[in-house]
């Protein structure tokens, strides 16, 4: 087996499994990740979360790399995206100067640590590695991953949204990446620190005008489901920041059942919302049935696409 055979699609599932699970490719990946780390941080197991294959073009895999930092207990998960392509080129969609500027900002804000760099390439394997929060397509992801920036941003946004309410002000926020898909989409979780009763906030960055429209549609859908959803609710967007194209959401609060849709209605009519609610219920039930036998932190990704997705939590373990 070689890279061309695997990526052409002629080897079918065997080729994908060779790239994702063979000892040779795992050693190559782990070697690159170790080289990006600063001492004394050490690389632990890497959990394969999702893979997407485009025959004849590329295979992209998403991992949670577990990092141990000296003086702390356990591991911290760091999202990593790995792409294998036939040309082996780094298709960043931006110039090298812009990429260097984004990495420099991540280091300056302290969100790159314990990594010295957030990208690496291995041309002989056609491999390109990106470490969160690097994404030239979403340069705002770096500052949205900075707890100090998040604290000031949310305080200002809440004050501008409703100055009449005296909201609790957390001492800060713990930032956790929920979804890291460079060039496509990202979701961040902000958990308040301190003794305040402020709720958890989810943030999703956008590019262009899509964020404002998604905000309006999500609000309309949440309001409609609150009245007609019969126990199914949607996360209600609380604020949006148009200048940075980022919509931020409160957690779901259904008393009976909450579900999330992978799509969104093409319109905001009641009929479309009803269809959306039915899809939510079906997808939630399917997810519960398919993942009930997996540990909570090791559930497979159910994407509803025809692309190759992982059916469990394979590990790229220490070697």
Protein backbone atom coordinates (compact mmCIF):
# COMPACT_ATOMS: atom_id res chain seq x y z
CA UNK A 1 0.00 0.00 0.00
CA UNK A 2 1.19 3.53 -0.75
CA UNK A 3 -0.22 7.05 -0.50
CA UNK A 4 -1.37 7.24 -4.13
CA UNK A 5 -3.27 3.94 -3.88
CA UNK A 6 -4.94 4.95 -0.63
CA UNK A 7 -6.03 8.42 -1.77
CA UNK A 8 -7.13 7.37 -5.25
CA UNK A 9 -9.97 5.35 -3.76
CA UNK A 10 -9.01 2.16 -5.60
CA UNK A 11 -8.00 0.51 -2.31
CA UNK A 12 -11.41 1.45 -0.85
CA UNK A 13 -11.80 1.06 2.93
CA UNK A 14 -8.48 -0.75 3.25
CA UNK A 15 -6.64 2.31 1.99
CA UNK A 16 -8.36 4.62 4.47
CA UNK A 17 -7.67 2.26 7.34
CA UNK A 18 -4.02 2.04 6.31
CA UNK A 19 -3.60 5.81 6.51
CA UNK A 20 -5.50 6.19 9.76
CA UNK A 21 -4.51 3.11 11.71
CA UNK A 22 -1.26 1.58 10.43
CA UNK A 23 1.74 1.67 12.76
CA UNK A 24 3.84 3.46 10.14
CA UNK A 25 1.52 6.43 9.66
CA UNK A 26 0.83 6.67 13.39
CA UNK A 27 4.54 6.91 14.12
CA UNK A 28 4.94 9.63 11.48
CA UNK A 29 2.05 11.64 12.92
CA UNK A 30 3.21 11.31 16.51
CA UNK A 31 6.76 12.29 15.53
CA UNK A 32 5.49 15.52 14.00
CA UNK A 33 3.30 16.36 16.98
CA UNK A 34 6.17 15.76 19.42
CA UNK A 35 8.37 18.11 17.39
CA UNK A 36 5.76 20.86 17.76
CA UNK A 37 5.58 20.55 21.56
CA UNK A 38 7.67 22.53 24.00
CA UNK A 39 9.47 20.67 26.77
CA UNK A 40 8.55 19.43 29.31
CA UNK A 41 5.09 18.75 27.83
CA UNK A 42 4.66 15.18 26.61
CA UNK A 43 2.34 13.63 24.05
CA UNK A 44 -0.08 10.94 25.21
CA UNK A 45 -2.66 8.99 23.18
CA UNK A 46 -4.41 10.64 20.25
CA UNK A 47 -8.12 9.86 19.86
CA UNK A 48 -9.41 9.72 16.30
CA UNK A 49 -12.77 11.51 16.35
CA UNK A 50 -13.80 11.82 12.73
CA UNK A 51 -12.47 11.32 9.21
CA UNK A 52 -13.63 12.61 5.85
CA UNK A 53 -12.45 11.15 2.55
CA UNK A 54 -12.67 12.70 -0.91
CA UNK A 55 -11.48 10.04 -3.39
CA UNK A 56 -8.70 11.23 -5.64
CA UNK A 57 -8.15 14.36 -3.57
CA UNK A 58 -7.53 14.03 0.16
CA UNK A 59 -8.30 12.42 3.48
CA UNK A 60 -8.82 14.64 6.51
CA UNK A 61 -8.88 13.28 10.06
CA UNK A 62 -9.69 15.03 13.32
CA UNK A 63 -7.99 13.99 16.54
CA UNK A 64 -7.96 14.91 20.19
CA UNK A 65 -4.28 14.86 21.14
CA UNK A 66 -3.86 14.27 24.87
CA UNK A 67 -1.06 16.40 26.31
CA UNK A 68 0.51 15.99 29.74
CA UNK A 69 2.08 19.09 31.25
CA UNK A 70 4.67 18.63 33.98
CA UNK A 71 3.35 19.58 37.40
CA UNK A 72 -0.28 18.82 36.52
CA UNK A 73 -2.38 15.69 36.80
CA UNK A 74 -3.82 13.78 33.88
CA UNK A 75 -4.02 14.98 30.29
CA UNK A 76 -5.49 17.94 28.46
CA UNK A 77 -7.12 17.36 25.09
CA UNK A 78 -6.04 19.50 22.14
CA UNK A 79 -7.88 19.27 18.80
CA UNK A 80 -5.69 18.50 15.79
CA UNK A 81 -6.61 18.28 12.11
CA UNK A 82 -4.49 16.12 9.78
CA UNK A 83 -4.80 16.15 5.99
CA UNK A 84 -3.26 13.68 3.55
CA UNK A 85 -3.26 14.84 -0.08
CA UNK A 86 -1.63 13.70 -3.29
CA UNK A 87 0.16 17.01 -3.91
CA UNK A 88 1.22 17.31 -0.26
CA UNK A 89 0.88 21.08 -0.54
CA UNK A 90 -0.25 23.36 2.24
CA UNK A 91 -3.49 24.81 0.95
CA UNK A 92 -3.96 27.44 3.64
CA UNK A 93 -5.96 29.86 1.50
CA UNK A 94 -3.67 32.66 2.70
CA UNK A 95 -0.07 33.80 2.38
CA UNK A 96 2.80 32.63 4.55
CA UNK A 97 3.09 36.09 6.13
CA UNK A 98 -0.56 35.99 7.21
CA UNK A 99 -0.10 32.48 8.60
CA UNK A 100 2.97 33.57 10.57
CA UNK A 101 1.04 36.54 11.93
CA UNK A 102 -1.79 34.29 13.16
CA UNK A 103 0.66 31.95 14.86
CA UNK A 104 2.48 34.91 16.45
CA UNK A 105 -0.82 36.21 17.84
CA UNK A 106 -1.63 32.76 19.27
CA UNK A 107 1.75 32.65 21.02
CA UNK A 108 1.38 36.22 22.27
CA UNK A 109 -2.05 35.51 23.74
CA UNK A 110 -0.82 32.28 25.34
CA UNK A 111 -3.31 30.03 23.51
CA UNK A 112 -0.64 28.15 21.53
CA UNK A 113 1.06 26.67 24.62
CA UNK A 114 2.32 24.04 25.20
CA UNK A 115 2.94 23.97 21.43
CA UNK A 116 5.82 26.00 20.00
CA UNK A 117 4.19 26.00 16.57
CA UNK A 118 0.72 25.13 15.39
CA UNK A 119 1.44 23.68 11.98
CA UNK A 120 3.74 21.11 10.43
CA UNK A 121 4.10 19.32 7.11
CA UNK A 122 5.56 16.00 6.03
CA UNK A 123 5.78 16.14 2.21
CA UNK A 124 6.87 12.52 1.74
CA UNK A 125 3.60 11.46 3.38
CA UNK A 126 1.54 14.23 1.80
CA UNK A 127 0.69 15.17 5.39
CA UNK A 128 -0.36 18.56 6.72
CA UNK A 129 -1.04 19.13 10.45
CA UNK A 130 -2.96 21.97 12.07
CA UNK A 131 -3.33 22.45 15.81
CA UNK A 132 -6.14 24.43 17.43
CA UNK A 133 -6.73 27.37 17.37
CA UNK A 134 -4.92 27.87 14.07
CA UNK A 135 -7.18 28.43 11.07
CA UNK A 136 -6.33 31.04 8.43
CA UNK A 137 -9.94 30.86 7.26
CA UNK A 138 -11.12 31.99 10.71
CA UNK A 139 -8.39 34.30 12.07
CA UNK A 140 -10.74 35.44 14.84
CA UNK A 141 -10.58 31.94 16.35
CA UNK A 142 -7.31 32.83 18.10
CA UNK A 143 -8.74 35.73 20.08
CA UNK A 144 -12.00 33.87 20.69
CA UNK A 145 -9.87 31.19 22.42
CA UNK A 146 -8.20 33.73 24.74
CA UNK A 147 -9.94 33.69 28.18
CA UNK A 148 -9.06 37.35 28.86
CA UNK A 149 -10.47 38.49 25.55
CA UNK A 150 -13.59 36.34 26.07
CA UNK A 151 -14.24 37.86 29.50
CA UNK A 152 -14.07 41.43 28.20
CA UNK A 153 -15.97 40.59 25.00
CA UNK A 154 -18.90 38.94 26.77
CA UNK A 155 -19.09 41.67 29.42
CA UNK A 156 -19.28 44.37 26.73
CA UNK A 157 -21.71 42.38 24.58
CA UNK A 158 -24.09 41.68 27.46
CA UNK A 159 -23.99 45.31 28.52
CA UNK A 160 -24.79 46.47 24.99
CA UNK A 161 -27.56 43.88 24.55
CA UNK A 162 -29.45 44.68 27.74
CA UNK A 163 -28.04 47.43 29.91
CA UNK A 164 -31.10 47.30 32.21
CA UNK A 165 -30.24 43.88 33.65
CA UNK A 166 -27.61 43.42 36.32
CA UNK A 167 -26.01 40.20 35.11
CA UNK A 168 -23.51 38.33 37.27
CA UNK A 169 -19.96 39.01 36.17
CA UNK A 170 -17.72 35.91 36.27
CA UNK A 171 -14.08 36.27 37.25
CA UNK A 172 -13.25 34.74 33.89
CA UNK A 173 -14.08 31.87 31.56
CA UNK A 174 -12.55 28.47 30.89
CA UNK A 175 -12.40 28.03 27.11
CA UNK A 176 -12.90 24.54 25.65
CA UNK A 177 -12.96 23.79 21.91
CA UNK A 178 -16.01 21.66 21.12
CA UNK A 179 -15.56 21.43 17.35
CA UNK A 180 -12.37 22.22 15.43
CA UNK A 181 -12.76 21.81 11.66
CA UNK A 182 -10.32 24.21 9.94
CA UNK A 183 -11.75 26.01 6.96
CA UNK A 184 -15.27 24.78 7.77
CA UNK A 185 -16.65 25.43 11.25
CA UNK A 186 -15.75 25.83 14.89
CA UNK A 187 -17.61 25.79 18.20
CA UNK A 188 -16.18 26.96 21.53
CA UNK A 189 -17.52 26.47 25.04
CA UNK A 190 -17.13 29.16 27.70
CA UNK A 191 -17.59 27.99 31.29
CA UNK A 192 -17.71 30.79 33.90
CA UNK A 193 -15.18 30.74 36.73
CA UNK A 194 -15.73 31.88 40.28
CA UNK A 195 -18.82 31.81 42.48
CA UNK A 196 -21.16 33.57 40.05
CA UNK A 197 -24.28 31.87 38.68
CA UNK A 198 -23.65 32.90 35.11
CA UNK A 199 -24.45 30.18 32.61
CA UNK A 200 -22.23 28.39 30.14
CA UNK A 201 -21.98 30.07 26.73
CA UNK A 202 -21.26 28.49 23.35
CA UNK A 203 -19.66 30.51 20.56
CA UNK A 204 -19.64 29.80 16.84
CA UNK A 205 -17.56 32.07 14.56
CA UNK A 206 -18.68 32.89 11.05
CA UNK A 207 -17.21 34.57 8.00
CA UNK A 208 -19.22 37.01 5.94
CA UNK A 209 -22.89 37.74 6.58
CA UNK A 210 -23.88 34.17 7.49
CA UNK A 211 -23.61 34.77 11.23
CA UNK A 212 -26.30 37.44 11.35
CA UNK A 213 -28.73 35.30 9.35
CA UNK A 214 -28.03 32.21 11.47
CA UNK A 215 -28.69 34.29 14.58
CA UNK A 216 -32.10 35.41 13.31
CA UNK A 217 -33.13 31.94 12.15
CA UNK A 218 -32.01 30.29 15.40
CA UNK A 219 -33.92 32.81 17.50
CA UNK A 220 -37.08 32.31 15.45
CA UNK A 221 -36.76 28.51 15.66
CA UNK A 222 -36.13 28.60 19.42
CA UNK A 223 -39.18 30.82 19.99
CA UNK A 224 -41.39 28.60 17.83
CA UNK A 225 -40.21 25.37 19.52
CA UNK A 226 -40.71 26.90 22.96
CA UNK A 227 -44.39 27.33 22.08
CA UNK A 228 -45.03 24.31 19.84
CA UNK A 229 -42.11 21.91 20.33
CA UNK A 230 -43.85 19.54 22.78
CA UNK A 231 -40.76 19.03 24.93
CA UNK A 232 -38.14 19.64 22.23
CA UNK A 233 -36.20 22.88 22.59
CA UNK A 234 -33.36 24.62 20.79
CA UNK A 235 -30.40 26.50 22.21
CA UNK A 236 -31.36 30.17 22.23
CA UNK A 237 -28.78 32.61 20.85
CA UNK A 238 -28.23 35.30 23.44
CA UNK A 239 -25.95 37.77 21.65
CA UNK A 240 -24.21 38.27 18.34
CA UNK A 241 -21.20 40.36 17.46
CA UNK A 242 -21.44 41.45 13.84
CA UNK A 243 -18.00 43.03 13.65
CA UNK A 244 -16.30 39.73 14.45
CA UNK A 245 -18.93 37.53 12.81
CA UNK A 246 -19.48 35.38 15.84
CA UNK A 247 -22.81 34.22 17.26
CA UNK A 248 -22.90 33.11 20.90
CA UNK A 249 -25.43 30.76 22.41
CA UNK A 250 -26.81 29.81 25.80
CA UNK A 251 -26.86 26.08 26.66
CA UNK A 252 -30.01 24.07 26.04
CA UNK A 253 -32.47 24.13 28.91
CA UNK A 254 -35.26 21.69 28.02
CA UNK A 255 -36.86 20.01 31.04
CA UNK A 256 -37.70 16.87 29.12
CA UNK A 257 -35.48 16.56 26.12
CA UNK A 258 -33.14 18.66 24.03
CA UNK A 259 -31.87 17.86 20.58
CA UNK A 260 -29.71 19.52 17.98
CA UNK A 261 -30.22 19.63 14.25
CA UNK A 262 -27.33 19.34 11.83
CA UNK A 263 -29.21 21.48 9.36
CA UNK A 264 -31.42 24.51 9.56
CA UNK A 265 -34.70 25.39 7.91
CA UNK A 266 -34.56 27.03 4.53
CA UNK A 267 -37.27 29.42 5.73
CA UNK A 268 -38.67 30.36 9.10
CA UNK A 269 -42.26 29.29 8.42
CA UNK A 270 -44.14 27.22 11.05
CA UNK A 271 -44.31 24.28 8.62
CA UNK A 272 -40.55 24.31 8.18
CA UNK A 273 -40.01 24.57 11.93
CA UNK A 274 -42.25 21.55 12.48
CA UNK A 275 -40.18 19.53 9.99
CA UNK A 276 -37.03 20.73 11.71
CA UNK A 277 -38.38 19.61 15.08
CA UNK A 278 -39.19 16.13 13.72
CA UNK A 279 -35.65 15.82 12.32
CA UNK A 280 -34.26 16.82 15.70
CA UNK A 281 -36.26 14.12 17.46
CA UNK A 282 -35.27 11.39 14.99
CA UNK A 283 -31.58 12.31 15.03
CA UNK A 284 -31.53 12.51 18.83
CA UNK A 285 -33.14 9.06 19.18
CA UNK A 286 -30.74 7.54 16.63
CA UNK A 287 -27.75 9.06 18.41
CA UNK A 288 -28.89 7.70 21.79
CA UNK A 289 -29.41 4.20 20.33
CA UNK A 290 -26.07 4.13 18.48
CA UNK A 291 -23.91 5.53 21.28
CA UNK A 292 -25.44 3.94 24.36
CA UNK A 293 -22.72 1.27 24.45
CA UNK A 294 -19.82 3.73 24.28
CA UNK A 295 -18.21 5.56 27.21
CA UNK A 296 -19.42 9.12 27.47
CA UNK A 297 -16.15 10.66 26.26
CA UNK A 298 -15.60 8.12 23.48
CA UNK A 299 -18.80 8.34 21.45
CA UNK A 300 -18.54 8.09 17.66
CA UNK A 301 -19.41 10.96 15.39
CA UNK A 302 -22.78 10.65 13.64
CA UNK A 303 -22.70 13.08 10.76
CA UNK A 304 -25.44 11.88 8.46
CA UNK A 305 -23.15 12.12 5.41
CA UNK A 306 -21.87 9.57 2.95
CA UNK A 307 -18.26 10.37 3.81
CA UNK A 308 -16.13 7.92 5.76
CA UNK A 309 -16.67 8.55 9.46
CA UNK A 310 -15.16 6.78 12.42
CA UNK A 311 -17.33 4.15 14.08
CA UNK A 312 -15.47 4.23 17.38
CA UNK A 313 -12.57 5.83 19.18
CA UNK A 314 -9.36 4.41 17.62
CA UNK A 315 -6.20 5.56 19.36
CA UNK A 316 -2.87 6.67 18.07
CA UNK A 317 -1.14 5.52 21.22
CA UNK A 318 2.39 6.05 22.49
CA UNK A 319 5.05 4.41 20.35
